[in-house]
Amino acid sequence: MAVIMKFLSLYLIVVNICGFILMGYDKRKAKKNKWRVPESRMFFTAALGGSVGIWLGMQNFHHKTLHPQFKYGIPAIFAVQILLLGLLLSRPYWP
């Protein structure tokens, strides 16, 4: 179980760093009026476990904070992830 938790922790750190960088990259491209990162990619990154990184990127770079689908969607994805993680960790044993 300890190996699985270490892997999961490392995975979540990496995917959240990627989400944070993705938001900064898109904000930079938006300022330069260049090719942008598709919103679907941002949501996909959040769904893969990077919702905290995406949300922190939104706050840090002041990017997409007024878009309702991001303002409410990213926290909703995070809430579902916390619920699923709680259910997973509450299991009496790991397979």
N, C-alpha and C. Protein backbone atom coordinates (compact mmCIF):
# COMPACT_ATOMS: atom_id res chain seq x y z
N MET A 1 0.83 -1.20 0.00
CA MET A 1 0.00 0.00 0.00
C MET A 1 0.87 1.26 0.00
N ALA A 2 2.00 1.22 0.67
CA ALA A 2 2.87 2.39 0.74
C ALA A 2 3.40 2.77 -0.63
N VAL A 3 3.70 1.77 -1.45
CA VAL A 3 4.20 2.04 -2.81
C VAL A 3 3.12 2.70 -3.65
N ILE A 4 1.90 2.24 -3.51
CA ILE A 4 0.78 2.81 -4.26
C ILE A 4 0.56 4.26 -3.84
N MET A 5 0.63 4.53 -2.54
CA MET A 5 0.42 5.89 -2.06
C MET A 5 1.54 6.82 -2.54
N LYS A 6 2.79 6.33 -2.57
CA LYS A 6 3.89 7.14 -3.07
C LYS A 6 3.71 7.45 -4.55
N PHE A 7 3.32 6.44 -5.31
CA PHE A 7 3.07 6.64 -6.74
C PHE A 7 1.94 7.63 -6.96
N LEU A 8 0.85 7.47 -6.22
CA LEU A 8 -0.29 8.36 -6.36
C LEU A 8 0.09 9.80 -5.99
N SER A 9 0.85 9.95 -4.93
CA SER A 9 1.30 11.29 -4.52
C SER A 9 2.18 11.94 -5.58
N LEU A 10 3.13 11.18 -6.10
CA LEU A 10 4.01 11.71 -7.14
C LEU A 10 3.21 12.06 -8.39
N TYR A 11 2.28 11.19 -8.77
CA TYR A 11 1.44 11.45 -9.94
C TYR A 11 0.65 12.75 -9.76
N LEU A 12 0.03 12.91 -8.60
CA LEU A 12 -0.78 14.12 -8.36
C LEU A 12 0.08 15.38 -8.35
N ILE A 13 1.27 15.30 -7.83
CA ILE A 13 2.17 16.46 -7.84
C ILE A 13 2.50 16.84 -9.28
N VAL A 14 2.86 15.85 -10.08
CA VAL A 14 3.26 16.12 -11.48
C VAL A 14 2.09 16.66 -12.29
N VAL A 15 0.91 16.04 -12.19
CA VAL A 15 -0.22 16.47 -13.00
C VAL A 15 -0.70 17.86 -12.57
N ASN A 16 -0.57 18.20 -11.30
CA ASN A 16 -0.97 19.54 -10.86
C ASN A 16 0.03 20.60 -11.28
N ILE A 17 1.30 20.27 -11.28
CA ILE A 17 2.30 21.20 -11.80
C ILE A 17 2.04 21.44 -13.29
N CYS A 18 1.73 20.38 -14.02
CA CYS A 18 1.41 20.52 -15.45
C CYS A 18 0.18 21.40 -15.65
N GLY A 19 -0.84 21.23 -14.82
CA GLY A 19 -2.04 22.06 -14.92
C GLY A 19 -1.74 23.52 -14.65
N PHE A 20 -0.93 23.78 -13.66
CA PHE A 20 -0.55 25.16 -13.33
C PHE A 20 0.21 25.79 -14.49
N ILE A 21 1.17 25.06 -15.04
CA ILE A 21 1.96 25.56 -16.17
C ILE A 21 1.07 25.78 -17.39
N LEU A 22 0.13 24.88 -17.60
CA LEU A 22 -0.79 25.00 -18.73
C LEU A 22 -1.59 26.29 -18.68
N MET A 23 -2.05 26.66 -17.49
CA MET A 23 -2.81 27.90 -17.35
C MET A 23 -1.93 29.12 -17.61
N GLY A 24 -0.70 29.09 -17.11
CA GLY A 24 0.22 30.19 -17.35
C GLY A 24 0.57 30.32 -18.82
N TYR A 25 0.78 29.19 -19.46
CA TYR A 25 1.11 29.16 -20.89
C TYR A 25 -0.05 29.74 -21.71
N ASP A 26 -1.28 29.33 -21.38
CA ASP A 26 -2.43 29.84 -22.13
C ASP A 26 -2.62 31.33 -21.90
N LYS A 27 -2.40 31.80 -20.68
CA LYS A 27 -2.53 33.23 -20.40
C LYS A 27 -1.50 34.03 -21.19
N ARG A 28 -0.28 33.51 -21.27
CA ARG A 28 0.77 34.19 -22.03
C ARG A 28 0.40 34.26 -23.52
N LYS A 29 -0.12 33.15 -24.05
CA LYS A 29 -0.53 33.14 -25.45
C LYS A 29 -1.71 34.08 -25.68
N ALA A 30 -2.60 34.18 -24.71
CA ALA A 30 -3.75 35.07 -24.84
C ALA A 30 -3.30 36.53 -24.91
N LYS A 31 -2.33 36.89 -24.10
CA LYS A 31 -1.82 38.27 -24.11
C LYS A 31 -1.16 38.62 -25.44
N LYS A 32 -0.54 37.62 -26.08
CA LYS A 32 0.14 37.85 -27.35
C LYS A 32 -0.77 37.60 -28.55
N ASN A 33 -2.04 37.29 -28.26
CA ASN A 33 -3.04 37.03 -29.31
C ASN A 33 -2.57 35.93 -30.27
N LYS A 34 -2.06 34.86 -29.70
CA LYS A 34 -1.57 33.73 -30.49
C LYS A 34 -2.42 32.49 -30.22
N TRP A 35 -1.99 31.37 -30.82
CA TRP A 35 -2.69 30.11 -30.68
C TRP A 35 -2.87 29.77 -29.21
N ARG A 36 -4.06 29.32 -28.85
CA ARG A 36 -4.41 29.06 -27.45
C ARG A 36 -4.55 27.58 -27.18
N VAL A 37 -4.47 27.24 -25.92
CA VAL A 37 -4.70 25.88 -25.47
C VAL A 37 -6.21 25.65 -25.46
N PRO A 38 -6.69 24.57 -26.07
CA PRO A 38 -8.14 24.31 -26.04
C PRO A 38 -8.64 24.13 -24.60
N GLU A 39 -9.82 24.68 -24.34
CA GLU A 39 -10.40 24.55 -23.00
C GLU A 39 -10.61 23.09 -22.63
N SER A 40 -10.91 22.27 -23.63
CA SER A 40 -11.11 20.85 -23.36
C SER A 40 -9.84 20.21 -22.79
N ARG A 41 -8.68 20.67 -23.21
CA ARG A 41 -7.43 20.15 -22.67
C ARG A 41 -7.25 20.54 -21.21
N MET A 42 -7.69 21.74 -20.88
CA MET A 42 -7.60 22.18 -19.48
C MET A 42 -8.51 21.34 -18.59
N PHE A 43 -9.73 21.10 -19.07
CA PHE A 43 -10.66 20.28 -18.31
C PHE A 43 -10.19 18.83 -18.23
N PHE A 44 -9.58 18.33 -19.30
CA PHE A 44 -9.05 16.97 -19.29
C PHE A 44 -7.93 16.85 -18.26
N THR A 45 -7.05 17.85 -18.21
CA THR A 45 -5.97 17.85 -17.22
C THR A 45 -6.55 17.88 -15.81
N ALA A 46 -7.58 18.69 -15.61
CA ALA A 46 -8.24 18.74 -14.30
C ALA A 46 -8.86 17.39 -13.95
N ALA A 47 -9.51 16.76 -14.91
CA ALA A 47 -10.15 15.47 -14.68
C ALA A 47 -9.14 14.37 -14.38
N LEU A 48 -7.93 14.50 -14.91
CA LEU A 48 -6.89 13.50 -14.65
C LEU A 48 -6.26 13.67 -13.27
N GLY A 49 -6.72 14.65 -12.51
CA GLY A 49 -6.21 14.86 -11.16
C GLY A 49 -5.53 16.20 -10.98
N GLY A 50 -5.50 17.02 -12.01
CA GLY A 50 -4.82 18.31 -11.94
C GLY A 50 -5.71 19.49 -11.62
N SER A 51 -6.84 19.24 -10.99
CA SER A 51 -7.79 20.32 -10.73
C SER A 51 -7.21 21.39 -9.80
N VAL A 52 -6.41 21.00 -8.84
CA VAL A 52 -5.82 21.99 -7.92
C VAL A 52 -4.84 22.87 -8.68
N GLY A 53 -4.02 22.26 -9.53
CA GLY A 53 -3.06 23.03 -10.33
C GLY A 53 -3.76 23.99 -11.29
N ILE A 54 -4.83 23.52 -11.92
CA ILE A 54 -5.60 24.39 -12.82
C ILE A 54 -6.19 25.55 -12.02
N TRP A 55 -6.78 25.25 -10.87
CA TRP A 55 -7.41 26.30 -10.06
C TRP A 55 -6.37 27.30 -9.55
N LEU A 56 -5.23 26.79 -9.08
CA LEU A 56 -4.17 27.70 -8.62
C LEU A 56 -3.64 28.55 -9.77
N GLY A 57 -3.56 27.96 -10.97
CA GLY A 57 -3.15 28.72 -12.15
C GLY A 57 -4.16 29.80 -12.49
N MET A 58 -5.44 29.48 -12.35
CA MET A 58 -6.49 30.47 -12.61
C MET A 58 -6.31 31.66 -11.67
N GLN A 59 -6.08 31.39 -10.40
CA GLN A 59 -5.96 32.45 -9.41
C GLN A 59 -4.65 33.23 -9.59
N ASN A 60 -3.57 32.52 -9.80
CA ASN A 60 -2.26 33.16 -9.91
C ASN A 60 -2.14 34.03 -11.15
N PHE A 61 -2.61 33.52 -12.29
CA PHE A 61 -2.47 34.24 -13.55
C PHE A 61 -3.72 35.07 -13.89
N HIS A 62 -4.73 35.06 -13.02
CA HIS A 62 -6.00 35.77 -13.25
C HIS A 62 -6.53 35.41 -14.64
N HIS A 63 -6.65 34.11 -14.85
CA HIS A 63 -7.01 33.60 -16.17
C HIS A 63 -8.24 32.70 -16.06
N LYS A 64 -9.24 33.00 -16.84
CA LYS A 64 -10.48 32.23 -16.92
C LYS A 64 -11.28 32.28 -15.61
N THR A 65 -11.01 33.23 -14.76
CA THR A 65 -11.69 33.30 -13.47
C THR A 65 -13.14 33.78 -13.59
N LEU A 66 -13.46 34.44 -14.68
CA LEU A 66 -14.83 34.93 -14.86
C LEU A 66 -15.68 34.02 -15.74
N HIS A 67 -15.06 33.00 -16.32
CA HIS A 67 -15.79 32.04 -17.14
C HIS A 67 -16.54 31.08 -16.23
N PRO A 68 -17.88 31.05 -16.28
CA PRO A 68 -18.64 30.18 -15.36
C PRO A 68 -18.23 28.71 -15.43
N GLN A 69 -17.92 28.22 -16.65
CA GLN A 69 -17.56 26.80 -16.74
C GLN A 69 -16.26 26.49 -16.00
N PHE A 70 -15.38 27.47 -15.87
CA PHE A 70 -14.15 27.28 -15.10
C PHE A 70 -14.37 27.65 -13.64
N LYS A 71 -15.08 28.75 -13.41
CA LYS A 71 -15.31 29.23 -12.05
C LYS A 71 -16.01 28.18 -11.19
N TYR A 72 -16.95 27.45 -11.80
CA TYR A 72 -17.70 26.43 -11.06
C TYR A 72 -17.28 25.00 -11.44
N GLY A 73 -16.83 24.82 -12.66
CA GLY A 73 -16.51 23.48 -13.15
C GLY A 73 -15.27 22.89 -12.51
N ILE A 74 -14.21 23.67 -12.39
CA ILE A 74 -12.97 23.17 -11.81
C ILE A 74 -13.17 22.80 -10.34
N PRO A 75 -13.78 23.66 -9.52
CA PRO A 75 -14.05 23.23 -8.14
C PRO A 75 -14.97 22.00 -8.06
N ALA A 76 -15.91 21.88 -8.99
CA ALA A 76 -16.79 20.70 -8.99
C ALA A 76 -15.99 19.43 -9.29
N ILE A 77 -15.08 19.51 -10.23
CA ILE A 77 -14.23 18.36 -10.54
C ILE A 77 -13.40 18.01 -9.31
N PHE A 78 -12.85 19.02 -8.64
CA PHE A 78 -12.05 18.77 -7.44
C PHE A 78 -12.90 18.10 -6.35
N ALA A 79 -14.13 18.56 -6.17
CA ALA A 79 -15.00 17.97 -5.14
C ALA A 79 -15.27 16.49 -5.44
N VAL A 80 -15.50 16.17 -6.69
CA VAL A 80 -15.73 14.77 -7.08
C VAL A 80 -14.47 13.96 -6.83
N GLN A 81 -13.31 14.52 -7.14
CA GLN A 81 -12.05 13.81 -6.92
C GLN A 81 -11.82 13.55 -5.43
N ILE A 82 -12.12 14.51 -4.59
CA ILE A 82 -11.97 14.33 -3.14
C ILE A 82 -12.91 13.24 -2.65
N LEU A 83 -14.14 13.24 -3.16
CA LEU A 83 -15.11 12.21 -2.79
C LEU A 83 -14.61 10.83 -3.20
N LEU A 84 -14.13 10.71 -4.43
CA LEU A 84 -13.62 9.42 -4.91
C LEU A 84 -12.39 8.98 -4.12
N LEU A 85 -11.50 9.90 -3.81
CA LEU A 85 -10.32 9.56 -3.03
C LEU A 85 -10.72 9.10 -1.63
N GLY A 86 -11.68 9.77 -1.04
CA GLY A 86 -12.19 9.36 0.27
C GLY A 86 -12.78 7.97 0.24
N LEU A 87 -13.55 7.67 -0.80
CA LEU A 87 -14.12 6.33 -0.93
C LEU A 87 -13.03 5.29 -1.11
N LEU A 88 -12.03 5.63 -1.91
CA LEU A 88 -10.93 4.70 -2.16
C LEU A 88 -10.14 4.43 -0.88
N LEU A 89 -9.85 5.47 -0.13
CA LEU A 89 -9.05 5.31 1.08
C LEU A 89 -9.84 4.70 2.24
N SER A 90 -11.16 4.72 2.18
CA SER A 90 -11.97 4.17 3.25
C SER A 90 -12.17 2.66 3.10
N ARG A 91 -11.70 2.12 2.00
CA ARG A 91 -11.81 0.67 1.81
C ARG A 91 -11.02 -0.04 2.90
N PRO A 92 -11.53 -1.15 3.41
CA PRO A 92 -10.83 -1.85 4.48
C PRO A 92 -9.52 -2.50 4.04
N TYR A 93 -9.36 -2.71 2.77
CA TYR A 93 -8.13 -3.31 2.26
C TYR A 93 -7.93 -2.88 0.83
N TRP A 94 -6.70 -3.00 0.37
CA TRP A 94 -6.37 -2.72 -1.03
C TRP A 94 -6.23 -4.05 -1.74
N PRO A 95 -6.72 -4.13 -2.98
CA PRO A 95 -6.61 -5.42 -3.69
C PRO A 95 -5.17 -5.80 -3.97
